[in-house]
Protein backbone atom coordinates (compact mmCIF):
# COMPACT_ATOMS: atom_id res chain seq x y z
CA MET A 1 37.66 119.50 16.54
CA LEU A 2 37.21 120.84 20.06
CA MET A 3 33.83 122.29 20.90
CA LYS A 4 33.79 126.06 21.27
CA THR A 5 31.08 128.00 23.05
CA LEU A 6 30.07 131.55 22.25
CA LEU A 7 27.61 133.46 24.39
CA VAL A 8 24.95 135.75 22.98
CA GLU A 9 24.74 138.23 25.85
CA LEU A 10 21.18 139.41 26.32
CA GLY A 11 20.80 139.52 30.09
CA ASP A 12 18.28 136.94 31.30
CA ARG A 13 17.77 135.84 27.66
CA SER A 14 21.46 135.07 27.08
CA TYR A 15 22.24 131.73 25.48
CA PRO A 16 25.19 129.70 24.19
CA ILE A 17 26.15 128.78 20.64
CA TYR A 18 27.95 125.43 20.60
CA ILE A 19 30.29 124.96 17.62
CA GLY A 20 32.19 121.74 16.89
CA SER A 21 32.05 118.22 15.46
CA GLY A 22 29.93 115.33 16.73
CA LEU A 23 27.66 117.61 18.71
CA LEU A 24 24.46 115.92 17.56
CA ASN A 25 25.40 112.96 19.75
CA GLN A 26 26.24 114.91 22.91
CA VAL A 27 23.21 114.27 25.10
CA GLU A 28 24.05 116.90 27.71
CA LEU A 29 23.89 119.71 25.16
CA TYR A 30 20.18 118.97 24.78
CA THR A 31 19.15 117.94 28.26
CA GLN A 32 20.58 120.94 30.12
CA HIS A 33 18.28 123.20 28.12
CA ILE A 34 15.08 121.11 28.35
CA LYS A 35 13.00 121.75 31.47
CA SER A 36 9.94 119.61 30.73
CA SER A 37 9.18 116.03 29.73
CA GLN A 38 7.39 117.26 26.60
CA VAL A 39 9.53 117.80 23.48
CA ILE A 40 8.61 118.24 19.83
CA VAL A 41 11.18 118.04 17.03
CA ILE A 42 10.32 119.96 13.87
CA THR A 43 12.30 119.01 10.76
CA ASN A 44 11.86 118.53 7.01
CA SER A 45 11.75 115.68 4.54
CA THR A 46 15.40 116.13 3.51
CA ILE A 47 16.91 116.26 7.00
CA ALA A 48 14.69 113.65 8.69
CA PRO A 49 16.29 110.59 7.01
CA LEU A 50 19.77 111.94 7.74
CA TYR A 51 19.71 113.19 11.33
CA LEU A 52 16.34 112.77 13.03
CA ASP A 53 17.18 109.39 14.58
CA GLN A 54 20.42 110.77 16.05
CA VAL A 55 18.54 113.57 17.72
CA LEU A 56 15.75 111.30 18.97
CA ASN A 57 18.33 108.95 20.45
CA ASN A 58 19.38 111.77 22.78
CA LEU A 59 15.80 112.34 23.88
CA ARG A 60 14.84 108.84 25.00
CA ASN A 61 13.97 110.05 28.50
CA PHE A 62 11.44 112.56 27.23
CA LYS A 63 7.97 112.38 25.73
CA VAL A 64 8.87 113.25 22.15
CA GLU A 65 6.70 114.04 19.15
CA THR A 66 7.98 114.76 15.66
CA LEU A 67 6.67 116.70 12.71
CA ILE A 68 8.24 116.38 9.27
CA LEU A 69 7.44 119.23 6.89
CA PRO A 70 8.23 119.49 3.17
CA ASP A 71 11.58 121.06 2.29
CA GLY A 72 11.74 124.43 0.59
CA GLU A 73 11.32 128.19 0.94
CA GLN A 74 7.92 127.97 -0.75
CA PHE A 75 6.60 126.11 2.32
CA LYS A 76 7.64 128.84 4.78
CA THR A 77 4.06 130.04 5.23
CA LEU A 78 1.39 130.44 7.87
CA ASP A 79 -0.36 127.33 6.51
CA TYR A 80 2.60 125.16 7.51
CA VAL A 81 3.06 126.95 10.83
CA THR A 82 -0.57 126.02 11.51
CA GLN A 83 0.43 122.38 11.09
CA ILE A 84 2.93 122.87 13.92
CA PHE A 85 0.24 124.40 16.13
CA ASP A 86 -2.13 121.54 15.24
CA LYS A 87 0.49 119.01 16.35
CA LEU A 88 1.23 120.81 19.62
CA LEU A 89 -2.44 121.14 20.48
CA SER A 90 -3.45 117.62 19.49
CA CYS A 91 -0.66 116.26 21.69
CA LYS A 92 -1.77 118.55 24.55
CA PHE A 93 1.64 120.17 24.92
CA SER A 94 1.82 122.75 27.73
CA ARG A 95 3.64 126.09 27.84
CA ASN A 96 6.81 124.60 29.35
CA ALA A 97 7.22 122.10 26.49
CA THR A 98 10.35 122.47 24.36
CA LEU A 99 10.42 122.76 20.57
CA ILE A 100 13.56 121.68 18.72
CA ALA A 101 14.09 123.06 15.21
CA LEU A 102 16.26 120.61 13.26
CA GLY A 103 16.99 121.94 9.79
CA GLY A 104 18.08 124.92 7.75
CA GLY A 105 16.87 128.49 7.88
CA VAL A 106 13.31 127.70 6.85
CA ILE A 107 12.77 125.19 9.65
CA GLY A 108 14.58 127.40 12.13
CA ASP A 109 12.47 130.44 11.28
CA MET A 110 9.19 128.51 11.28
CA GLY A 111 10.03 126.57 14.43
CA GLY A 112 11.10 129.69 16.28
CA PHE A 113 8.01 131.59 15.19
CA SER A 114 5.77 128.73 16.30
CA ALA A 115 7.55 128.61 19.67
CA ALA A 116 7.14 132.38 20.06
CA CYS A 117 3.39 132.16 19.43
CA TYR A 118 2.29 128.88 21.02
CA GLN A 119 0.70 129.72 24.37
CA ARG A 120 2.54 133.08 24.08
CA GLY A 121 5.95 131.47 24.11
CA ILE A 122 7.57 128.10 24.77
CA PRO A 123 11.31 127.30 24.94
CA PHE A 124 13.04 126.18 21.75
CA LEU A 125 16.44 124.92 20.61
CA GLN A 126 18.07 125.56 17.25
CA ILE A 127 19.99 122.73 15.54
CA PRO A 128 20.94 124.30 12.19
CA THR A 129 21.91 121.88 9.43
CA THR A 130 23.04 124.27 6.68
CA LEU A 131 26.01 126.61 6.67
CA LEU A 132 23.73 129.60 6.16
CA ALA A 133 21.65 128.65 9.19
CA GLN A 134 24.73 127.97 11.33
CA VAL A 135 26.35 131.33 10.63
CA ASP A 136 23.27 133.52 10.40
CA SER A 137 19.60 132.60 10.67
CA SER A 138 19.83 130.42 13.81
CA VAL A 139 21.54 133.20 15.78
CA GLY A 140 19.83 136.32 17.01
CA GLY A 141 16.18 135.40 17.50
CA LYS A 142 14.67 136.49 14.20
CA THR A 143 11.79 134.16 13.42
CA GLY A 144 8.96 134.30 10.91
CA VAL A 145 7.34 133.28 7.66
CA ASN A 146 6.93 134.69 4.17
CA HIS A 147 3.91 136.36 2.63
CA ALA A 148 3.10 136.38 -1.06
CA LEU A 149 3.88 140.11 -1.10
CA GLY A 150 7.11 140.01 0.88
CA LYS A 151 9.70 137.78 2.52
CA ASN A 152 9.77 137.42 6.32
CA MET A 153 7.06 140.04 6.74
CA ILE A 154 5.28 138.08 9.51
CA GLY A 155 7.39 137.15 12.52
CA ALA A 156 8.79 137.91 15.96
CA PHE A 157 12.04 138.40 17.82
CA TYR A 158 12.31 135.32 20.02
CA GLN A 159 15.58 133.93 21.35
CA PRO A 160 16.38 130.18 21.56
CA GLN A 161 17.70 128.40 24.62
CA CYS A 162 20.81 127.42 22.68
CA VAL A 163 22.19 126.85 19.19
CA ILE A 164 23.95 123.55 18.44
CA ALA A 165 26.08 124.00 15.31
CA ASP A 166 27.59 120.63 14.38
CA ALA A 167 30.03 121.08 11.51
CA ASP A 168 29.74 117.37 10.64
CA VAL A 169 26.23 117.87 9.22
CA LEU A 170 27.74 120.00 6.46
CA ASN A 171 29.18 116.79 4.98
CA THR A 172 25.73 116.01 3.55
CA LEU A 173 25.09 119.57 2.34
CA ASN A 174 25.08 119.89 -1.44
CA ASP A 175 27.50 122.27 -3.13
CA ARG A 176 24.83 124.82 -4.02
CA GLN A 177 23.65 125.10 -0.42
CA LEU A 178 27.24 125.37 0.80
CA SER A 179 27.89 128.28 -1.55
CA ALA A 180 24.64 129.91 -0.47
CA GLY A 181 25.87 129.86 3.12
CA LEU A 182 29.13 131.48 2.09
CA ALA A 183 27.18 134.55 0.96
CA GLU A 184 26.30 135.30 4.58
CA VAL A 185 29.86 134.50 5.70
CA ILE A 186 31.23 137.04 3.20
CA LYS A 187 28.70 139.56 4.49
CA TYR A 188 30.34 139.72 7.92
CA GLY A 189 33.67 140.63 6.36
CA LEU A 190 32.05 143.34 4.28
CA ILE A 191 30.06 145.04 7.03
CA ARG A 192 32.52 145.02 9.95
CA ASP A 193 35.50 142.66 9.69
CA ILE A 194 38.03 143.54 6.98
CA GLU A 195 40.56 141.02 8.32
CA PHE A 196 37.98 138.26 7.90
CA PHE A 197 37.18 139.46 4.38
CA GLU A 198 40.88 139.27 3.49
CA TRP A 199 41.08 135.79 5.05
CA LEU A 200 38.12 134.70 2.91
CA GLU A 201 39.83 135.97 -0.23
CA GLN A 202 42.76 133.69 0.57
CA ASN A 203 40.81 130.68 1.83
CA ILE A 204 37.52 130.49 -0.10
CA GLU A 205 38.76 127.41 -1.97
CA LEU A 206 39.35 125.59 1.34
CA LEU A 207 35.79 126.36 2.40
CA LEU A 208 34.41 125.06 -0.89
CA ALA A 209 36.50 121.92 -0.40
CA ARG A 210 34.91 121.53 3.08
CA ASP A 211 38.21 121.75 4.95
CA LYS A 212 37.16 121.18 8.57
CA GLU A 213 39.52 123.68 10.16
CA ALA A 214 38.63 126.40 7.66
CA LEU A 215 34.90 125.79 8.08
CA ALA A 216 35.17 125.79 11.87
CA PHE A 217 37.03 129.10 11.78
CA ALA A 218 34.52 130.67 9.38
CA ILE A 219 31.53 129.50 11.45
CA GLU A 220 33.05 130.74 14.72
CA ARG A 221 34.12 134.12 13.29
CA SER A 222 30.71 134.67 11.69
CA CYS A 223 28.81 133.74 14.85
CA LEU A 224 31.10 135.94 16.95
CA ASN A 225 30.38 138.91 14.70
CA LYS A 226 26.65 138.32 14.81
CA ALA A 227 26.56 137.64 18.56
CA GLN A 228 28.28 140.96 19.23
CA ILE A 229 25.85 142.86 17.02
CA VAL A 230 22.77 141.15 18.50
CA ALA A 231 24.00 141.82 22.05
CA GLU A 232 24.24 145.52 21.19
CA ASP A 233 20.96 145.76 19.26
CA GLU A 234 18.56 142.85 19.77
CA THR A 235 15.52 144.24 17.97
CA GLU A 236 17.19 146.01 15.05
CA THR A 237 16.76 149.64 16.04
CA GLY A 238 20.30 150.52 15.00
CA ILE A 239 23.49 148.63 14.15
CA ARG A 240 21.75 145.26 13.68
CA ALA A 241 20.25 146.59 10.45
CA THR A 242 23.73 146.36 8.89
CA LEU A 243 23.31 142.56 8.92
CA ASN A 244 20.85 143.15 6.08
CA LEU A 245 23.50 144.21 3.58
CA GLY A 246 22.17 143.12 0.17
CA HIS A 247 18.98 141.76 1.69
CA THR A 248 16.52 144.38 0.44
CA PHE A 249 17.63 143.71 -3.13
CA GLY A 250 17.86 139.99 -2.35
CA HIS A 251 14.39 139.70 -0.84
CA ALA A 252 12.97 141.44 -3.91
CA ILE A 253 14.71 138.83 -6.08
CA GLU A 254 13.36 135.93 -3.99
CA THR A 255 9.82 137.30 -4.02
CA GLY A 256 9.82 138.44 -7.64
CA ALA A 257 11.33 135.25 -9.05
CA GLY A 258 9.12 133.03 -6.87
CA TYR A 259 10.13 131.55 -3.53
CA GLY A 260 12.57 128.70 -4.00
CA VAL A 261 13.90 129.69 -7.44
CA TYR A 262 16.88 131.39 -5.81
CA LEU A 263 18.31 130.18 -2.53
CA HIS A 264 18.41 132.95 0.07
CA GLY A 265 22.20 133.17 -0.05
CA GLU A 266 22.19 133.34 -3.83
CA ALA A 267 19.77 136.27 -3.79
CA VAL A 268 21.79 137.98 -1.06
CA ALA A 269 24.98 137.60 -3.12
CA ILE A 270 23.35 139.36 -6.06
CA GLY A 271 21.83 141.99 -3.79
CA THR A 272 25.17 142.67 -2.12
CA CYS A 273 26.79 143.26 -5.49
CA GLN A 274 23.97 145.68 -6.30
CA ALA A 275 24.51 147.43 -2.95
CA ALA A 276 28.23 147.66 -3.73
CA ASP A 277 27.43 149.19 -7.12
CA LEU A 278 25.17 151.78 -5.49
CA SER A 279 27.87 152.51 -2.89
CA ARG A 280 30.28 153.18 -5.75
CA ARG A 281 27.80 155.54 -7.39
CA LYS A 282 27.61 157.47 -4.11
CA GLY A 283 31.38 157.85 -4.19
CA TRP A 284 32.15 155.58 -1.25
CA LEU A 285 33.60 152.51 -2.99
CA THR A 286 36.10 152.52 -5.84
CA ASP A 287 35.76 150.52 -9.02
CA ALA A 288 38.49 148.26 -7.66
CA ASP A 289 36.52 147.70 -4.42
CA VAL A 290 33.42 146.63 -6.35
CA GLU A 291 35.43 144.34 -8.61
CA ARG A 292 37.03 142.78 -5.52
CA ILE A 293 33.64 142.12 -3.93
CA ILE A 294 32.17 140.63 -7.11
CA ALA A 295 35.28 138.47 -7.59
CA LEU A 296 34.91 136.91 -4.14
CA PHE A 297 31.26 136.02 -4.70
CA LYS A 298 32.17 134.50 -8.06
CA LYS A 299 34.97 132.45 -6.44
CA ALA A 300 32.33 131.17 -3.99
CA ASN A 301 30.30 129.93 -7.01
CA LEU A 302 27.51 132.42 -6.38
CA PRO A 303 25.47 134.38 -8.93
CA VAL A 304 26.22 138.10 -9.13
CA ASN A 305 23.71 139.40 -11.72
CA PRO A 306 19.98 139.99 -11.12
CA PRO A 307 17.36 137.98 -13.01
CA GLU A 308 16.49 139.47 -16.38
CA GLN A 309 12.75 139.36 -15.75
CA LEU A 310 13.00 141.88 -12.90
CA ASP A 311 13.19 145.40 -14.31
CA SER A 312 13.75 148.51 -12.22
CA ASP A 313 10.03 149.15 -11.71
CA SER A 314 9.50 145.59 -10.45
CA PHE A 315 12.47 145.92 -8.10
CA LEU A 316 11.21 149.21 -6.69
CA ASP A 317 7.71 147.81 -6.10
CA LEU A 318 9.10 144.80 -4.27
CA MET A 319 11.69 146.79 -2.32
CA ALA A 320 8.92 149.05 -1.05
CA VAL A 321 7.77 146.10 1.10
CA ASP A 322 10.71 145.80 3.48
CA LYS A 323 10.98 145.83 7.26
CA LYS A 324 13.71 148.51 7.29
CA ASN A 325 11.58 151.03 5.41
CA ILE A 326 10.19 154.00 7.33
CA ASP A 327 7.20 156.11 6.23
CA GLY A 328 7.13 154.29 2.91
CA LYS A 329 10.72 155.25 2.06
CA ILE A 330 13.23 152.61 1.00
CA ARG A 331 16.26 152.27 3.30
CA LEU A 332 19.32 150.33 2.19
CA ILE A 333 22.49 149.15 3.87
CA LEU A 334 25.50 150.40 1.93
CA LEU A 335 29.29 150.29 2.30
CA THR A 336 31.48 153.33 2.93
CA LYS A 337 34.43 151.00 2.41
CA ILE A 338 35.08 147.28 2.57
CA GLY A 339 34.62 146.39 6.23
CA VAL A 340 32.39 149.35 7.11
CA ALA A 341 28.61 149.40 6.57
CA THR A 342 26.19 152.28 6.97
CA LEU A 343 22.45 152.91 6.88
CA PRO A 344 22.27 156.30 5.17
CA ILE A 345 19.38 158.66 5.78
CA GLY A 346 17.57 158.82 2.48
CA ILE A 347 18.47 157.14 -0.79
CA ASP A 348 19.14 159.08 -3.98
CA THR A 349 16.39 157.66 -6.18
CA LEU A 350 18.26 158.53 -9.37
CA LEU A 351 21.36 156.62 -8.27
CA LEU A 352 19.24 153.65 -7.15
CA GLU A 353 17.50 153.54 -10.53
CA GLN A 354 20.89 153.70 -12.26
CA THR A 355 21.99 150.63 -10.31
CA LEU A 356 18.75 148.79 -11.03
CA ASN A 357 18.90 149.65 -14.73
CA SER A 358 22.62 149.13 -15.28
CA TYR A 359 24.22 146.66 -12.87
CA GLY A 360 24.48 143.20 -14.40
CA ARG A 361 22.31 144.12 -17.38
């Protein structure tokens, strides 16, 4: 597979996304973005035995420290970010040191947030090792940690120097994590790319079978969609909010069920189906549209029904703690049709409660 490079165009904060096979071993991809002798690699206990040595082999000419954190959404907290700060300070790293985040979305978010905060900002590189991280969380500069009352409620917009998306690392990704990543891939088709959605309907089995060409196409198309949105709206004051289709419902599921019970992509899949149901109740989607959306998530081996323990009151309480909300009012991304997302002004509370009480129950 030839390496492809996409550019996230943000003026003096622009950066490349490298997509291909065997990229973990391409020394120049790292070195051209590292401006100091000091480097710290942040990873987790699952990824370290698989890929840490490969990355360290490319950094032999640098002073490198490593920090291996436990794996899981439940560890995406300020307590574990403090461990990163402790390591940086104890090693006397300066403000031109480079942090490399090697892992999935949790490591990427925590590493980026630490880089944004340490000495008011140090450079960092993203090396995403899950499909979800490659197509979504590593791109766009959203960083942060969870709070007991809400997901990703503490964070910063902080762009990396580059993203290195090596499709080969997906060979060691388990089937559940692969499907979770497909939830975010499907999202791009739903919010702005009907041709991609139709391609996914025809090729989802190839993606589940880890066909290299199909995966490479899906990663590139997803990153292209996100790069274009981020270039237009870096700090989510407008169109970037559409990337959160299903996420308000999904974050409520993750928080309410307990972090780590549902993978992020699994919760987003359920939340997107709920958003589709609400869009139908508003008269924008047809029954056939909703059935088509649900069918694709099911084909991707993703859950589509909310957990039984979360009733409508619990959902509403949890959804009230969301970054898109304004003046205490819930705002949701909905679909006017497949391939077109909108952020309507005001949500009909009665229709929302009908969705929460009826969909998947």
